PDB file of N, CA and C in Angstrom:
ATOM      1  N   UNK A   1      17.011  14.671  14.005  1.00  0.00           N
ATOM      2  CA  UNK A   1      16.383  13.463  13.518  1.00  0.00           C
ATOM      3  C   UNK A   1      16.801  13.250  12.064  1.00  0.00           C
ATOM      4  N   UNK A   2      17.053  12.003  11.694  1.00  0.00           N
ATOM      5  CA  UNK A   2      17.501  11.711  10.333  1.00  0.00           C
ATOM      6  C   UNK A   2      16.316  11.425   9.430  1.00  0.00           C
ATOM      7  N   UNK A   3      16.543  11.597   8.155  1.00  0.00           N
ATOM      8  CA  UNK A   3      15.507  11.339   7.161  1.00  0.00           C
ATOM      9  C   UNK A   3      15.404   9.829   6.919  1.00  0.00           C
ATOM     10  N   UNK A   4      14.213   9.333   6.734  1.00  0.00           N
ATOM     11  CA  UNK A   4      14.004   7.905   6.483  1.00  0.00           C
ATOM     12  C   UNK A   4      14.520   7.528   5.102  1.00  0.00           C
ATOM     13  N   UNK A   5      14.943   6.287   4.967  1.00  0.00           N
ATOM     14  CA  UNK A   5      15.435   5.791   3.687  1.00  0.00           C
ATOM     15  C   UNK A   5      14.278   5.576   2.729  1.00  0.00           C
ATOM     16  N   UNK A   6      14.501   5.859   1.485  1.00  0.00           N
ATOM     17  CA  UNK A   6      13.499   5.675   0.446  1.00  0.00           C
ATOM     18  C   UNK A   6      13.816   4.397  -0.332  1.00  0.00           C
ATOM     19  N   UNK A   7      12.799   3.719  -0.856  1.00  0.00           N
ATOM     20  CA  UNK A   7      13.065   2.528  -1.666  1.00  0.00           C
ATOM     21  C   UNK A   7      13.764   2.933  -2.970  1.00  0.00           C
ATOM     22  N   UNK A   8      14.636   2.076  -3.454  1.00  0.00           N
ATOM     23  CA  UNK A   8      15.358   2.352  -4.694  1.00  0.00           C
ATOM     24  C   UNK A   8      14.604   1.871  -5.928  1.00  0.00           C
ATOM     25  N   UNK A   9      13.717   0.876  -5.755  1.00  0.00           N
ATOM     26  CA  UNK A   9      12.986   0.334  -6.897  1.00  0.00           C
ATOM     27  C   UNK A   9      11.649  -0.236  -6.440  1.00  0.00           C
ATOM     28  N   UNK A  10      10.752  -0.385  -7.391  1.00  0.00           N
ATOM     29  CA  UNK A  10       9.421  -0.937  -7.123  1.00  0.00           C
ATOM     30  C   UNK A  10       9.539  -2.440  -6.847  1.00  0.00           C
ATOM     31  N   UNK A  11       8.920  -2.951  -5.776  1.00  0.00           N
ATOM     32  CA  UNK A  11       8.994  -4.386  -5.491  1.00  0.00           C
ATOM     33  C   UNK A  11       8.191  -5.239  -6.478  1.00  0.00           C
ATOM     34  N   UNK A  12       7.373  -4.620  -7.310  1.00  0.00           N
ATOM     35  CA  UNK A  12       6.555  -5.367  -8.271  1.00  0.00           C
ATOM     36  C   UNK A  12       7.175  -5.432  -9.659  1.00  0.00           C
ATOM     37  N   UNK A  13       7.639  -4.280 -10.177  1.00  0.00           N
ATOM     38  CA  UNK A  13       8.160  -4.268 -11.547  1.00  0.00           C
ATOM     39  C   UNK A  13       9.647  -3.948 -11.621  1.00  0.00           C
ATOM     40  N   UNK A  14      10.239  -3.459 -10.533  1.00  0.00           N
ATOM     41  CA  UNK A  14      11.665  -3.174 -10.511  1.00  0.00           C
ATOM     42  C   UNK A  14      12.051  -1.805 -11.050  1.00  0.00           C
ATOM     43  N   UNK A  15      11.089  -1.026 -11.485  1.00  0.00           N
ATOM     44  CA  UNK A  15      11.384   0.295 -12.022  1.00  0.00           C
ATOM     45  C   UNK A  15      11.772   1.252 -10.900  1.00  0.00           C
ATOM     46  N   UNK A  16      12.488   2.320 -11.244  1.00  0.00           N
ATOM     47  CA  UNK A  16      12.967   3.273 -10.250  1.00  0.00           C
ATOM     48  C   UNK A  16      12.182   4.576 -10.222  1.00  0.00           C
ATOM     49  N   UNK A  17      11.087   4.664 -10.971  1.00  0.00           N
ATOM     50  CA  UNK A  17      10.290   5.901 -11.030  1.00  0.00           C
ATOM     51  C   UNK A  17       9.250   5.895  -9.917  1.00  0.00           C
ATOM     52  N   UNK A  18       9.696   6.171  -8.687  1.00  0.00           N
ATOM     53  CA  UNK A  18       8.831   6.140  -7.511  1.00  0.00           C
ATOM     54  C   UNK A  18       8.589   7.544  -6.986  1.00  0.00           C
ATOM     55  N   UNK A  19       7.395   7.750  -6.445  1.00  0.00           N
ATOM     56  CA  UNK A  19       7.034   9.030  -5.834  1.00  0.00           C
ATOM     57  C   UNK A  19       6.363   8.737  -4.488  1.00  0.00           C
ATOM     58  N   UNK A  20       6.567   9.586  -3.484  1.00  0.00           N
ATOM     59  CA  UNK A  20       5.840   9.414  -2.220  1.00  0.00           C
ATOM     60  C   UNK A  20       4.337   9.535  -2.461  1.00  0.00           C
ATOM     61  N   UNK A  21       3.569   8.701  -1.807  1.00  0.00           N
ATOM     62  CA  UNK A  21       2.116   8.712  -1.955  1.00  0.00           C
ATOM     63  C   UNK A  21       1.492   9.662  -0.946  1.00  0.00           C
ATOM     64  N   UNK A  22       0.324  10.159  -1.262  1.00  0.00           N
ATOM     65  CA  UNK A  22      -0.418  11.021  -0.349  1.00  0.00           C
ATOM     66  C   UNK A  22      -1.155  10.205   0.710  1.00  0.00           C
ATOM     67  N   UNK A  23      -1.113   8.881   0.615  1.00  0.00           N
ATOM     68  CA  UNK A  23      -1.838   8.003   1.542  1.00  0.00           C
ATOM     69  C   UNK A  23      -1.278   8.035   2.954  1.00  0.00           C
ATOM     70  N   UNK A  24      -0.038   8.423   3.114  1.00  0.00           N
ATOM     71  CA  UNK A  24       0.505   8.496   4.466  1.00  0.00           C
ATOM     72  C   UNK A  24       1.949   8.071   4.538  1.00  0.00           C
ATOM     73  N   UNK A  25       2.430   7.945   5.765  1.00  0.00           N
ATOM     74  CA  UNK A  25       3.831   7.631   6.024  1.00  0.00           C
ATOM     75  C   UNK A  25       4.221   6.266   5.455  1.00  0.00           C
ATOM     76  N   UNK A  26       5.292   6.217   4.694  1.00  0.00           N
ATOM     77  CA  UNK A  26       5.801   4.964   4.162  1.00  0.00           C
ATOM     78  C   UNK A  26       5.114   4.479   2.911  1.00  0.00           C
ATOM     79  N   UNK A  27       4.193   5.247   2.357  1.00  0.00           N
ATOM     80  CA  UNK A  27       3.468   4.837   1.156  1.00  0.00           C
ATOM     81  C   UNK A  27       4.141   5.429  -0.080  1.00  0.00           C
ATOM     82  N   UNK A  28       4.267   4.617  -1.117  1.00  0.00           N
ATOM     83  CA  UNK A  28       4.926   5.018  -2.354  1.00  0.00           C
ATOM     84  C   UNK A  28       4.086   4.619  -3.548  1.00  0.00           C
ATOM     85  N   UNK A  29       4.261   5.341  -4.653  1.00  0.00           N
ATOM     86  CA  UNK A  29       3.577   5.044  -5.912  1.00  0.00           C
ATOM     87  C   UNK A  29       4.616   4.809  -6.990  1.00  0.00           C
ATOM     88  N   UNK A  30       4.410   3.778  -7.797  1.00  0.00           N
ATOM     89  CA  UNK A  30       5.284   3.497  -8.932  1.00  0.00           C
ATOM     90  C   UNK A  30       4.597   4.019 -10.184  1.00  0.00           C
ATOM     91  N   UNK A  31       5.255   4.922 -10.880  1.00  0.00           N
ATOM     92  CA  UNK A  31       4.677   5.496 -12.100  1.00  0.00           C
ATOM     93  C   UNK A  31       4.752   4.529 -13.276  1.00  0.00           C
ATOM     94  N   UNK A  32       5.662   3.558 -13.232  1.00  0.00           N
ATOM     95  CA  UNK A  32       5.824   2.622 -14.343  1.00  0.00           C
ATOM     96  C   UNK A  32       4.701   1.586 -14.393  1.00  0.00           C
ATOM     97  N   UNK A  33       4.362   0.968 -13.245  1.00  0.00           N
ATOM     98  CA  UNK A  33       3.338  -0.084 -13.239  1.00  0.00           C
ATOM     99  C   UNK A  33       2.034   0.375 -12.602  1.00  0.00           C
ATOM    100  N   UNK A  34       1.988   1.648 -12.153  1.00  0.00           N
ATOM    101  CA  UNK A  34       0.772   2.242 -11.588  1.00  0.00           C
ATOM    102  C   UNK A  34       0.285   1.515 -10.330  1.00  0.00           C
ATOM    103  N   UNK A  35       1.238   1.044  -9.516  1.00  0.00           N
ATOM    104  CA  UNK A  35       0.898   0.380  -8.255  1.00  0.00           C
ATOM    105  C   UNK A  35       1.314   1.257  -7.087  1.00  0.00           C
ATOM    106  N   UNK A  36       0.624   1.085  -5.979  1.00  0.00           N
ATOM    107  CA  UNK A  36       0.977   1.760  -4.738  1.00  0.00           C
ATOM    108  C   UNK A  36       1.333   0.687  -3.720  1.00  0.00           C
ATOM    109  N   UNK A  37       2.331   0.983  -2.893  1.00  0.00           N
ATOM    110  CA  UNK A  37       2.739   0.033  -1.857  1.00  0.00           C
ATOM    111  C   UNK A  37       3.192   0.812  -0.640  1.00  0.00           C
ATOM    112  N   UNK A  38       3.297   0.107   0.482  1.00  0.00           N
ATOM    113  CA  UNK A  38       3.679   0.755   1.730  1.00  0.00           C
ATOM    114  C   UNK A  38       4.825  -0.010   2.383  1.00  0.00           C
ATOM    115  N   UNK A  39       5.794   0.719   2.913  1.00  0.00           N
ATOM    116  CA  UNK A  39       6.906   0.128   3.635  1.00  0.00           C
ATOM    117  C   UNK A  39       6.626   0.224   5.126  1.00  0.00           C
ATOM    118  N   UNK A  40       6.982  -0.817   5.854  1.00  0.00           N
ATOM    119  CA  UNK A  40       6.719  -0.826   7.283  1.00  0.00           C
ATOM    120  C   UNK A  40       7.853  -1.543   8.005  1.00  0.00           C
ATOM    121  N   UNK A  41       8.407  -0.906   9.031  1.00  0.00           N
ATOM    122  CA  UNK A  41       9.433  -1.513   9.862  1.00  0.00           C
ATOM    123  C   UNK A  41       8.748  -2.418  10.876  1.00  0.00           C
ATOM    124  N   UNK A  42       9.124  -3.676  10.904  1.00  0.00           N
ATOM    125  CA  UNK A  42       8.475  -4.635  11.795  1.00  0.00           C
ATOM    126  C   UNK A  42       9.177  -4.765  13.140  1.00  0.00           C
ATOM    127  N   UNK A  43      10.468  -4.538  13.192  1.00  0.00           N
ATOM    128  CA  UNK A  43      11.198  -4.651  14.445  1.00  0.00           C
ATOM    129  C   UNK A  43      12.551  -5.291  14.231  1.00  0.00           C
ATOM    130  N   UNK A  44      13.275  -5.484  15.313  1.00  0.00           N
ATOM    131  CA  UNK A  44      14.591  -6.090  15.268  1.00  0.00           C
ATOM    132  C   UNK A  44      14.494  -7.584  15.538  1.00  0.00           C
ATOM    133  N   UNK A  45      15.376  -8.340  14.919  1.00  0.00           N
ATOM    134  CA  UNK A  45      15.439  -9.772  15.163  1.00  0.00           C
ATOM    135  C   UNK A  45      16.187 -10.031  16.455  1.00  0.00           C
ATOM    136  N   UNK A  46      15.936 -11.182  17.058  1.00  0.00           N
ATOM    137  CA  UNK A  46      16.629 -11.537  18.286  1.00  0.00           C
ATOM    138  C   UNK A  46      18.127 -11.643  18.026  1.00  0.00           C
ATOM    139  N   UNK A  47      18.923 -11.203  18.950  1.00  0.00           N
ATOM    140  CA  UNK A  47      20.373 -11.237  18.796  1.00  0.00           C
ATOM    141  C   UNK A  47      20.844 -12.687  18.698  1.00  0.00           C
ATOM    142  N   UNK A  48      21.732 -12.946  17.755  1.00  0.00           N
ATOM    143  CA  UNK A  48      22.283 -14.283  17.591  1.00  0.00           C
ATOM    144  C   UNK A  48      21.451 -15.177  16.691  1.00  0.00           C
ATOM    145  N   UNK A  49      20.326 -14.710  16.190  1.00  0.00           N
ATOM    146  CA  UNK A  49      19.495 -15.500  15.305  1.00  0.00           C
ATOM    147  C   UNK A  49      20.164 -15.567  13.944  1.00  0.00           C
ATOM    148  N   UNK A  50      20.481 -16.781  13.477  1.00  0.00           N
ATOM    149  CA  UNK A  50      21.126 -16.957  12.177  1.00  0.00           C
ATOM    150  C   UNK A  50      20.398 -18.014  11.373  1.00  0.00           C
ATOM    151  N   UNK A  51      20.581 -17.970  10.086  1.00  0.00           N
ATOM    152  CA  UNK A  51      19.996 -18.979   9.203  1.00  0.00           C
ATOM    153  C   UNK A  51      20.800 -20.261   9.322  1.00  0.00           C
ATOM    154  N   UNK A  52      20.117 -21.369   9.286  1.00  0.00           N
ATOM    155  CA  UNK A  52      20.800 -22.653   9.355  1.00  0.00           C
ATOM    156  C   UNK A  52      21.267 -23.081   7.975  1.00  0.00           C
ATOM    157  N   UNK A  53      22.350 -23.833   7.927  1.00  0.00           N
ATOM    158  CA  UNK A  53      22.841 -24.359   6.653  1.00  0.00           C
ATOM    159  C   UNK A  53      21.935 -25.511   6.207  1.00  0.00           C
ATOM    160  N   UNK A  54      21.974 -25.888   4.909  1.00  0.00           N
ATOM    161  CA  UNK A  54      21.087 -26.948   4.393  1.00  0.00           C
ATOM    162  C   UNK A  54      21.244 -28.283   5.101  1.00  0.00           C
ATOM    163  N   UNK A  55      22.433 -28.587   5.689  1.00  0.00           N
ATOM    164  CA  UNK A  55      22.607 -29.873   6.350  1.00  0.00           C
ATOM    165  C   UNK A  55      22.081 -29.894   7.782  1.00  0.00           C
ATOM    166  N   UNK A  56      21.469 -28.772   8.218  1.00  0.00           N
ATOM    167  CA  UNK A  56      20.858 -28.722   9.538  1.00  0.00           C
ATOM    168  C   UNK A  56      21.729 -28.131  10.616  1.00  0.00           C
ATOM    169  N   UNK A  57      23.016 -27.977  10.349  1.00  0.00           N
ATOM    170  CA  UNK A  57      23.919 -27.408  11.342  1.00  0.00           C
ATOM    171  C   UNK A  57      24.074 -25.914  11.135  1.00  0.00           C
ATOM    172  N   UNK A  58      24.489 -25.230  12.179  1.00  0.00           N
ATOM    173  CA  UNK A  58      24.712 -23.792  12.052  1.00  0.00           C
ATOM    174  C   UNK A  58      26.005 -23.560  11.291  1.00  0.00           C
ATOM    175  N   UNK A  59      26.054 -22.532  10.477  1.00  0.00           N
ATOM    176  CA  UNK A  59      27.260 -22.276   9.695  1.00  0.00           C
ATOM    177  C   UNK A  59      28.182 -21.310  10.369  1.00  0.00           C
TER     178      UNK A  59
END
């Protein structure tokens, strides 16, 4: 089994001083802004789903 990827920076302040939280799986603490956050995998997108261009057509 492979190790899960860790976040590279805090989503709130952008600092890189992160530590795993004791709250559970996927929880992280930022030492710079003193915030805790959790990462969660939601699932895969449907195959072939793409963003539309501003003119309404597919790019």
